Amino acid sequence: MCQTTRTQALRSIKSRSNGRKRQAPTNGNGYDQLDGEWALYYKVARYFIHKVRFADSEDFLHDLMLEMAKVKASYEAKGKPLTEAGLMRVASYELSDYWVKQRRLTTWLDCGNCSKEQSSPH
């Protein structure tokens, strides 16, 4: 079978083997341009943001990085080092708290913001 020149040209445009490289996937949040401790917080947090609901992922990422900074500050005040593994532990606790709050909001009759007087059945 003989292929036409046009068919070969179209295949070379579609093919990635012609030297064009794919760009690295980015989510466009700007956190990948951080440096110092914040870059480390983002590096650790990236492993956890896909474990929350998509609609909450940006908020969770931001809150998680802030919580890591708070824990790091408290460790520095005590004179203790906080390693990357310690940051992963902080992230796992925050992830667990996230899902506890989600279950509370979706399965319980408690919105979490009501006082006892408002929520009593009297």
Protein backbone atom coordinates (compact mmCIF):
# COMPACT_ATOMS: atom_id res chain seq x y z
CA MET A 1 0.00 0.00 0.00
CA CYS A 2 1.23 3.45 -0.86
CA GLN A 3 0.55 6.38 1.41
CA THR A 4 0.15 9.84 0.03
CA THR A 5 2.42 12.67 1.04
CA ARG A 6 -0.47 14.45 2.70
CA THR A 7 -1.23 11.47 4.97
CA GLN A 8 2.40 11.25 6.03
CA ALA A 9 2.44 14.98 6.79
CA LEU A 10 -0.69 14.69 8.95
CA ARG A 11 0.79 11.80 10.86
CA SER A 12 3.97 13.72 11.59
CA ILE A 13 1.91 16.61 12.97
CA LYS A 14 -0.09 14.30 15.25
CA SER A 15 2.94 12.34 16.38
CA ARG A 16 4.97 13.41 19.40
CA SER A 17 8.00 11.61 18.01
CA ASN A 18 8.78 14.59 15.81
CA GLY A 19 10.76 16.30 18.55
CA ARG A 20 8.10 18.36 20.30
CA LYS A 21 7.98 17.66 23.99
CA ARG A 22 4.91 17.76 26.20
CA GLN A 23 4.80 20.44 28.82
CA ALA A 24 4.81 19.40 32.42
CA PRO A 25 1.30 19.39 33.86
CA THR A 26 0.66 22.34 36.12
CA ASN A 27 -2.43 23.25 38.02
CA GLY A 28 -1.68 26.95 37.72
CA ASN A 29 -1.93 27.77 41.42
CA GLY A 30 1.51 29.41 41.63
CA TYR A 31 2.60 27.35 44.63
CA ASP A 32 5.20 25.52 42.52
CA GLN A 33 7.20 28.78 42.36
CA LEU A 34 7.73 29.03 46.12
CA ASP A 35 11.13 28.74 47.71
CA GLY A 36 12.52 27.92 51.14
CA GLU A 37 10.33 26.29 53.75
CA TRP A 38 7.16 27.09 51.80
CA ALA A 39 8.45 25.04 48.86
CA LEU A 40 8.94 22.10 51.23
CA TYR A 41 5.42 22.54 52.61
CA TYR A 42 4.04 22.51 49.07
CA LYS A 43 6.12 19.47 48.15
CA VAL A 44 4.62 17.51 51.04
CA ALA A 45 1.09 18.87 50.63
CA ARG A 46 0.92 17.86 46.95
CA TYR A 47 0.75 14.22 48.01
CA PHE A 48 -2.43 14.88 49.99
CA ILE A 49 -4.53 17.30 47.94
CA HIS A 50 -5.87 14.58 45.64
CA LYS A 51 -7.34 12.82 48.66
CA VAL A 52 -9.93 15.52 49.30
CA ARG A 53 -12.92 16.57 47.22
CA PHE A 54 -11.91 18.44 44.07
CA ALA A 55 -13.94 21.49 45.05
CA ASP A 56 -12.05 21.69 48.36
CA SER A 57 -8.55 20.93 47.08
CA GLU A 58 -7.30 24.52 46.78
CA ASP A 59 -8.62 25.48 50.21
CA PHE A 60 -7.23 22.30 51.74
CA LEU A 61 -3.81 22.96 50.17
CA HIS A 62 -3.71 26.48 51.57
CA ASP A 63 -4.92 25.47 55.03
CA LEU A 64 -2.51 22.53 55.14
CA MET A 65 0.49 24.68 54.30
CA LEU A 66 -0.49 27.19 56.98
CA GLU A 67 -0.88 24.41 59.54
CA MET A 68 2.57 23.08 58.64
CA ALA A 69 4.02 26.55 59.20
CA LYS A 70 2.32 26.76 62.61
CA VAL A 71 3.64 23.36 63.68
CA LYS A 72 7.13 24.25 62.42
CA ALA A 73 7.05 27.47 64.47
CA SER A 74 5.98 25.61 67.61
CA TYR A 75 8.75 23.04 67.10
CA GLU A 76 11.33 25.81 66.64
CA ALA A 77 10.13 27.44 69.86
CA LYS A 78 10.83 24.16 71.66
CA GLY A 79 14.20 23.77 69.94
CA LYS A 80 13.16 20.62 68.08
CA PRO A 81 13.67 19.95 64.37
CA LEU A 82 10.65 19.18 62.17
CA THR A 83 11.59 16.81 59.37
CA GLU A 84 9.81 16.09 56.11
CA ALA A 85 8.41 12.94 57.71
CA GLY A 86 7.01 15.09 60.52
CA LEU A 87 5.35 17.33 57.96
CA MET A 88 3.78 14.25 56.37
CA ARG A 89 2.41 13.32 59.78
CA VAL A 90 0.93 16.81 60.14
CA ALA A 91 -0.64 16.44 56.69
CA SER A 92 -2.12 13.04 57.53
CA TYR A 93 -3.71 14.48 60.70
CA GLU A 94 -5.15 17.38 58.73
CA LEU A 95 -6.52 14.98 56.11
CA SER A 96 -8.15 12.90 58.82
CA ASP A 97 -9.69 16.03 60.36
CA TYR A 98 -10.96 17.09 56.93
CA TRP A 99 -12.86 13.82 56.46
CA VAL A 100 -14.24 13.89 60.01
CA LYS A 101 -15.64 17.36 59.30
CA GLN A 102 -17.04 16.20 55.96
CA ARG A 103 -18.80 13.23 57.57
CA ARG A 104 -20.17 15.49 60.27
CA LEU A 105 -21.57 17.91 57.69
CA THR A 106 -23.03 15.24 55.40
CA THR A 107 -24.32 12.57 57.78
CA TRP A 108 -25.11 14.33 61.04
CA LEU A 109 -27.80 16.88 61.71
CA ASP A 110 -25.21 19.23 63.18
CA CYS A 111 -23.78 21.99 61.02
CA GLY A 112 -20.96 22.56 63.51
CA ASN A 113 -21.84 26.22 64.03
CA CYS A 114 -24.99 25.95 66.16
CA SER A 115 -24.98 26.64 69.87
CA LYS A 116 -26.55 24.15 72.26
CA GLU A 117 -29.60 26.36 72.75
CA GLN A 118 -30.32 26.40 69.01
CA SER A 119 -29.84 22.70 68.46
CA SER A 120 -31.84 21.45 71.44
CA PRO A 121 -35.18 19.78 70.47
CA HIS A 122 -37.19 21.57 73.22
